[in-house]
């Protein structure tokens, strides 16, 4: 797993909000979403018994078993835009899914009154 500079910056910003120096940043990845994955996050004092702690760029990242498998070869990015904000996973060899509110594009000519 690789963290982009934007992801590292966001995680560091969140970790500054906790007084516990031993806290970790929990990431949970699941299939779905525009990039092919949805990612939830939380700052926690300690991992659950079934979770693993990884040191990534000196950050304590806590992952459950499913997230570890999904993120094994992933690049984790954090994106902020007008339309969305959050973590995005790029997994080598997998293309992201297209997102949009309309199921198909309609030509403007078909909408014009005649």
N, C-alpha and C. Protein backbone atom coordinates (compact mmCIF):
# COMPACT_ATOMS: atom_id res chain seq x y z
N UNK A 1 0.84 -1.17 0.00
CA UNK A 1 0.00 0.00 0.00
C UNK A 1 0.89 1.23 0.00
N UNK A 2 0.49 2.20 -0.82
CA UNK A 2 1.22 3.45 -0.90
C UNK A 2 0.25 4.59 -0.63
N UNK A 3 0.68 5.57 0.15
CA UNK A 3 -0.11 6.76 0.42
C UNK A 3 0.44 7.92 -0.38
N UNK A 4 -0.42 8.62 -1.10
CA UNK A 4 0.01 9.81 -1.83
C UNK A 4 0.27 10.92 -0.81
N UNK A 5 1.00 11.97 -1.22
CA UNK A 5 1.20 13.10 -0.31
C UNK A 5 -0.11 13.72 0.19
N UNK A 6 -1.14 13.77 -0.66
CA UNK A 6 -2.43 14.32 -0.25
C UNK A 6 -3.07 13.45 0.84
N UNK A 7 -2.99 12.13 0.70
CA UNK A 7 -3.53 11.22 1.71
C UNK A 7 -2.76 11.36 3.02
N UNK A 8 -1.45 11.43 2.94
CA UNK A 8 -0.63 11.61 4.14
C UNK A 8 -0.99 12.91 4.85
N UNK A 9 -1.15 13.97 4.10
CA UNK A 9 -1.47 15.28 4.68
C UNK A 9 -2.80 15.22 5.43
N UNK A 10 -3.83 14.62 4.81
CA UNK A 10 -5.13 14.52 5.46
C UNK A 10 -5.05 13.66 6.72
N UNK A 11 -4.37 12.53 6.66
CA UNK A 11 -4.26 11.65 7.82
C UNK A 11 -3.52 12.36 8.95
N UNK A 12 -2.44 13.05 8.64
CA UNK A 12 -1.70 13.80 9.67
C UNK A 12 -2.58 14.87 10.30
N UNK A 13 -3.37 15.55 9.49
CA UNK A 13 -4.27 16.59 9.99
C UNK A 13 -5.28 15.99 10.96
N UNK A 14 -5.84 14.82 10.62
CA UNK A 14 -6.80 14.15 11.49
C UNK A 14 -6.14 13.65 12.78
N UNK A 15 -4.91 13.15 12.67
CA UNK A 15 -4.22 12.60 13.83
C UNK A 15 -3.84 13.70 14.83
N UNK A 16 -3.68 14.92 14.36
CA UNK A 16 -3.37 16.03 15.28
C UNK A 16 -4.54 16.32 16.22
N UNK A 17 -5.74 15.89 15.87
CA UNK A 17 -6.92 16.15 16.69
C UNK A 17 -7.04 15.23 17.90
N UNK A 18 -6.22 14.19 17.97
CA UNK A 18 -6.30 13.25 19.09
C UNK A 18 -5.12 13.48 20.03
N UNK A 19 -5.38 13.49 21.34
CA UNK A 19 -4.28 13.67 22.29
C UNK A 19 -3.47 12.39 22.51
N UNK A 20 -3.97 11.25 22.04
CA UNK A 20 -3.32 9.96 22.26
C UNK A 20 -2.21 9.73 21.24
N UNK A 21 -0.97 9.71 21.69
CA UNK A 21 0.17 9.53 20.79
C UNK A 21 0.21 8.13 20.18
N UNK A 22 -0.47 7.16 20.80
CA UNK A 22 -0.49 5.79 20.29
C UNK A 22 -1.70 5.50 19.41
N UNK A 23 -2.51 6.50 19.14
CA UNK A 23 -3.71 6.30 18.31
C UNK A 23 -3.31 5.91 16.89
N UNK A 24 -4.26 5.34 16.17
CA UNK A 24 -4.02 4.96 14.79
C UNK A 24 -5.15 5.44 13.90
N UNK A 25 -4.90 5.38 12.62
CA UNK A 25 -5.88 5.82 11.63
C UNK A 25 -6.45 4.58 10.96
N UNK A 26 -7.73 4.31 11.20
CA UNK A 26 -8.38 3.11 10.65
C UNK A 26 -8.94 3.42 9.26
N UNK A 27 -8.59 2.60 8.29
CA UNK A 27 -9.15 2.65 6.95
C UNK A 27 -9.91 1.36 6.69
N UNK A 28 -11.14 1.48 6.19
CA UNK A 28 -11.93 0.30 5.81
C UNK A 28 -12.33 0.47 4.36
N UNK A 29 -11.88 -0.44 3.52
CA UNK A 29 -12.20 -0.41 2.09
C UNK A 29 -13.17 -1.53 1.77
N UNK A 30 -14.14 -1.19 0.92
CA UNK A 30 -15.13 -2.16 0.47
C UNK A 30 -15.37 -1.95 -1.02
N UNK A 31 -15.72 -2.97 -1.78
CA UNK A 31 -16.04 -2.78 -3.19
C UNK A 31 -17.24 -1.84 -3.34
N UNK A 32 -17.20 -0.97 -4.36
CA UNK A 32 -18.29 -0.05 -4.65
C UNK A 32 -17.78 1.36 -4.87
N UNK A 33 -18.66 2.27 -5.15
CA UNK A 33 -18.27 3.67 -5.33
C UNK A 33 -17.73 3.96 -6.72
N UNK A 34 -17.47 5.23 -6.99
CA UNK A 34 -17.02 5.67 -8.31
C UNK A 34 -15.65 5.12 -8.69
N UNK A 35 -14.75 4.98 -7.73
CA UNK A 35 -13.41 4.51 -8.04
C UNK A 35 -13.35 2.98 -8.03
N UNK A 36 -14.45 2.33 -7.70
CA UNK A 36 -14.46 0.88 -7.58
C UNK A 36 -14.44 0.45 -6.12
N UNK A 37 -14.14 1.40 -5.21
CA UNK A 37 -14.08 1.11 -3.78
C UNK A 37 -14.66 2.27 -2.99
N UNK A 38 -15.24 1.96 -1.85
CA UNK A 38 -15.61 2.99 -0.89
C UNK A 38 -14.66 2.84 0.29
N UNK A 39 -14.30 3.96 0.87
CA UNK A 39 -13.34 3.93 1.97
C UNK A 39 -13.91 4.73 3.14
N UNK A 40 -14.00 4.09 4.29
CA UNK A 40 -14.40 4.75 5.53
C UNK A 40 -13.15 4.92 6.37
N UNK A 41 -13.15 5.94 7.24
CA UNK A 41 -11.98 6.15 8.09
C UNK A 41 -12.40 6.62 9.47
N UNK A 42 -11.47 6.45 10.41
CA UNK A 42 -11.71 6.86 11.78
C UNK A 42 -10.36 6.92 12.50
N UNK A 43 -10.25 7.76 13.51
CA UNK A 43 -9.08 7.78 14.38
C UNK A 43 -9.47 6.98 15.62
N UNK A 44 -8.67 5.97 15.96
CA UNK A 44 -9.00 5.09 17.08
C UNK A 44 -7.80 4.97 18.03
N UNK A 45 -8.10 4.72 19.30
CA UNK A 45 -7.06 4.59 20.31
C UNK A 45 -6.24 3.31 20.13
N UNK A 46 -6.90 2.25 19.70
CA UNK A 46 -6.22 0.96 19.56
C UNK A 46 -6.95 0.11 18.53
N UNK A 47 -6.23 -0.78 17.87
CA UNK A 47 -6.90 -1.66 16.91
C UNK A 47 -7.74 -2.71 17.62
N UNK A 48 -8.77 -3.19 16.93
CA UNK A 48 -9.55 -4.32 17.41
C UNK A 48 -8.67 -5.57 17.31
N UNK A 49 -9.00 -6.62 18.04
CA UNK A 49 -8.15 -7.83 18.02
C UNK A 49 -7.92 -8.41 16.63
N UNK A 50 -8.91 -8.30 15.74
CA UNK A 50 -8.77 -8.90 14.40
C UNK A 50 -8.11 -7.95 13.39
N UNK A 51 -7.73 -6.75 13.81
CA UNK A 51 -7.14 -5.77 12.90
C UNK A 51 -5.60 -5.79 12.98
N UNK A 52 -4.99 -5.28 11.92
CA UNK A 52 -3.54 -5.22 11.81
C UNK A 52 -3.10 -3.77 11.74
N UNK A 53 -1.97 -3.46 12.37
CA UNK A 53 -1.40 -2.12 12.30
C UNK A 53 -0.24 -2.15 11.33
N UNK A 54 -0.29 -1.24 10.36
CA UNK A 54 0.81 -1.09 9.40
C UNK A 54 1.43 0.28 9.59
N UNK A 55 2.74 0.35 9.50
CA UNK A 55 3.40 1.64 9.48
C UNK A 55 3.62 2.01 8.02
N UNK A 56 3.07 3.13 7.63
CA UNK A 56 3.16 3.59 6.26
C UNK A 56 3.56 5.06 6.30
N UNK A 57 4.77 5.37 5.88
CA UNK A 57 5.27 6.74 5.95
C UNK A 57 5.16 7.26 7.38
N UNK A 58 5.55 6.47 8.36
CA UNK A 58 5.54 6.72 9.81
C UNK A 58 4.15 6.97 10.38
N UNK A 59 3.11 6.63 9.65
CA UNK A 59 1.73 6.74 10.12
C UNK A 59 1.23 5.35 10.50
N UNK A 60 0.52 5.27 11.63
CA UNK A 60 -0.07 4.00 12.08
C UNK A 60 -1.41 3.83 11.38
N UNK A 61 -1.46 2.92 10.40
CA UNK A 61 -2.67 2.65 9.64
C UNK A 61 -3.23 1.32 10.13
N UNK A 62 -4.50 1.32 10.50
CA UNK A 62 -5.16 0.12 11.04
C UNK A 62 -6.12 -0.41 9.97
N UNK A 63 -5.95 -1.70 9.65
CA UNK A 63 -6.75 -2.33 8.60
C UNK A 63 -7.36 -3.63 9.10
N UNK A 64 -8.60 -3.90 8.68
CA UNK A 64 -9.18 -5.22 8.93
C UNK A 64 -8.72 -6.14 7.80
N UNK A 65 -9.05 -7.42 7.90
CA UNK A 65 -8.56 -8.41 6.94
C UNK A 65 -9.00 -8.10 5.50
N UNK A 66 -10.29 -7.74 5.31
CA UNK A 66 -10.79 -7.47 3.96
C UNK A 66 -10.09 -6.24 3.36
N UNK A 67 -9.92 -5.20 4.16
CA UNK A 67 -9.25 -3.99 3.67
C UNK A 67 -7.80 -4.27 3.33
N UNK A 68 -7.13 -5.09 4.13
CA UNK A 68 -5.74 -5.45 3.84
C UNK A 68 -5.62 -6.11 2.48
N UNK A 69 -6.55 -7.00 2.16
CA UNK A 69 -6.52 -7.68 0.86
C UNK A 69 -6.79 -6.69 -0.28
N UNK A 70 -7.78 -5.82 -0.11
CA UNK A 70 -8.12 -4.86 -1.16
C UNK A 70 -7.03 -3.83 -1.38
N UNK A 71 -6.34 -3.44 -0.31
CA UNK A 71 -5.35 -2.36 -0.39
C UNK A 71 -3.93 -2.86 -0.58
N UNK A 72 -3.75 -4.16 -0.71
CA UNK A 72 -2.41 -4.74 -0.78
C UNK A 72 -1.53 -4.07 -1.84
N UNK A 73 -2.02 -3.88 -3.02
CA UNK A 73 -1.25 -3.26 -4.11
C UNK A 73 -1.82 -1.90 -4.51
N UNK A 74 -2.54 -1.27 -3.60
CA UNK A 74 -3.25 -0.03 -3.93
C UNK A 74 -2.43 1.21 -3.60
N UNK A 75 -2.76 2.27 -4.32
CA UNK A 75 -2.31 3.61 -3.98
C UNK A 75 -3.51 4.33 -3.40
N UNK A 76 -3.35 4.85 -2.19
CA UNK A 76 -4.44 5.54 -1.49
C UNK A 76 -4.23 7.04 -1.66
N UNK A 77 -5.21 7.70 -2.23
CA UNK A 77 -5.15 9.14 -2.46
C UNK A 77 -6.30 9.80 -1.71
N UNK A 78 -6.15 11.08 -1.41
CA UNK A 78 -7.24 11.86 -0.83
C UNK A 78 -7.52 13.01 -1.77
N UNK A 79 -8.76 13.09 -2.23
CA UNK A 79 -9.13 14.12 -3.20
C UNK A 79 -10.21 15.01 -2.63
N UNK A 80 -10.06 16.32 -2.86
CA UNK A 80 -11.06 17.30 -2.45
C UNK A 80 -11.47 18.08 -3.70
N UNK A 81 -12.75 18.05 -4.01
CA UNK A 81 -13.25 18.80 -5.15
C UNK A 81 -14.64 19.32 -4.81
N UNK A 82 -15.21 20.07 -5.71
CA UNK A 82 -16.55 20.61 -5.49
C UNK A 82 -17.57 19.48 -5.40
N UNK A 83 -17.39 18.44 -6.19
CA UNK A 83 -18.39 17.38 -6.24
C UNK A 83 -18.17 16.25 -5.24
N UNK A 84 -16.94 16.07 -4.75
CA UNK A 84 -16.71 14.99 -3.79
C UNK A 84 -15.42 15.22 -3.01
N UNK A 85 -15.37 14.65 -1.84
CA UNK A 85 -14.19 14.69 -0.99
C UNK A 85 -14.05 13.33 -0.34
N UNK A 86 -12.84 12.78 -0.37
CA UNK A 86 -12.62 11.51 0.29
C UNK A 86 -11.46 10.75 -0.28
N UNK A 87 -11.27 9.56 0.27
CA UNK A 87 -10.19 8.69 -0.17
C UNK A 87 -10.57 7.99 -1.47
N UNK A 88 -9.60 7.83 -2.34
CA UNK A 88 -9.78 7.12 -3.59
C UNK A 88 -8.66 6.09 -3.70
N UNK A 89 -9.03 4.86 -4.03
CA UNK A 89 -8.04 3.80 -4.20
C UNK A 89 -7.79 3.56 -5.67
N UNK A 90 -6.54 3.46 -6.02
CA UNK A 90 -6.15 3.06 -7.37
C UNK A 90 -5.40 1.73 -7.22
N UNK A 91 -5.98 0.69 -7.78
CA UNK A 91 -5.38 -0.64 -7.68
C UNK A 91 -4.78 -0.98 -9.04
N UNK A 92 -3.51 -1.34 -9.03
CA UNK A 92 -2.81 -1.64 -10.27
C UNK A 92 -3.53 -2.74 -11.04
N UNK A 93 -3.78 -2.47 -12.32
CA UNK A 93 -4.44 -3.43 -13.19
C UNK A 93 -5.96 -3.37 -13.17
N UNK A 94 -6.53 -2.45 -12.38
CA UNK A 94 -7.99 -2.33 -12.33
C UNK A 94 -8.38 -0.91 -12.72
N UNK A 95 -9.31 -0.81 -13.64
CA UNK A 95 -9.81 0.50 -14.06
C UNK A 95 -10.94 0.93 -13.12
N UNK A 96 -11.01 2.24 -12.85
CA UNK A 96 -12.09 2.77 -12.04
C UNK A 96 -13.40 2.73 -12.81
N UNK A 97 -14.50 2.89 -12.10
CA UNK A 97 -15.81 2.89 -12.72
C UNK A 97 -16.22 4.33 -13.01
N UNK A 98 -16.96 4.52 -14.05
CA UNK A 98 -17.47 5.86 -14.37
C UNK A 98 -18.66 6.16 -13.49
N UNK A 99 -18.77 7.41 -13.08
CA UNK A 99 -19.89 7.84 -12.25
C UNK A 99 -20.64 8.95 -12.94
N UNK A 100 -21.88 8.99 -12.68
CA UNK A 100 -22.69 10.07 -13.22
C UNK A 100 -24.11 9.93 -12.73
N UNK A 101 -24.85 11.00 -12.79
CA UNK A 101 -26.22 10.93 -12.30
C UNK A 101 -27.19 10.46 -13.37
N UNK A 102 -26.78 10.57 -14.63
CA UNK A 102 -27.66 10.13 -15.72
C UNK A 102 -27.17 8.79 -16.25
N UNK A 103 -28.08 7.86 -16.53
CA UNK A 103 -27.66 6.56 -17.02
C UNK A 103 -27.10 6.61 -18.44
N UNK A 104 -27.46 7.61 -19.22
CA UNK A 104 -26.97 7.72 -20.60
C UNK A 104 -27.06 9.18 -21.02
N UNK A 105 -26.25 9.53 -22.00
CA UNK A 105 -26.30 10.88 -22.52
C UNK A 105 -27.39 10.99 -23.58
N UNK A 106 -28.06 12.12 -23.64
CA UNK A 106 -29.13 12.36 -24.59
C UNK A 106 -28.71 13.58 -25.41
N UNK A 107 -28.87 13.49 -26.71
CA UNK A 107 -28.48 14.64 -27.54
C UNK A 107 -29.44 15.80 -27.30
N UNK A 108 -28.92 17.00 -27.40
CA UNK A 108 -29.74 18.20 -27.19
C UNK A 108 -30.82 18.32 -28.26
N UNK A 109 -30.54 17.82 -29.47
CA UNK A 109 -31.53 17.87 -30.55
C UNK A 109 -32.79 17.08 -30.21
N UNK A 110 -32.63 15.98 -29.48
CA UNK A 110 -33.79 15.16 -29.14
C UNK A 110 -34.69 15.83 -28.11
N UNK A 111 -34.18 16.84 -27.42
CA UNK A 111 -34.97 17.53 -26.41
C UNK A 111 -35.66 18.77 -26.94
N UNK A 112 -35.25 19.24 -28.11
CA UNK A 112 -35.80 20.47 -28.68
C UNK A 112 -37.24 20.24 -29.18
N UNK A 113 -38.09 21.22 -28.92
CA UNK A 113 -39.47 21.13 -29.42
C UNK A 113 -39.48 21.47 -30.90
N UNK A 114 -40.31 20.76 -31.61
CA UNK A 114 -40.36 20.99 -33.07
C UNK A 114 -41.69 21.52 -33.46
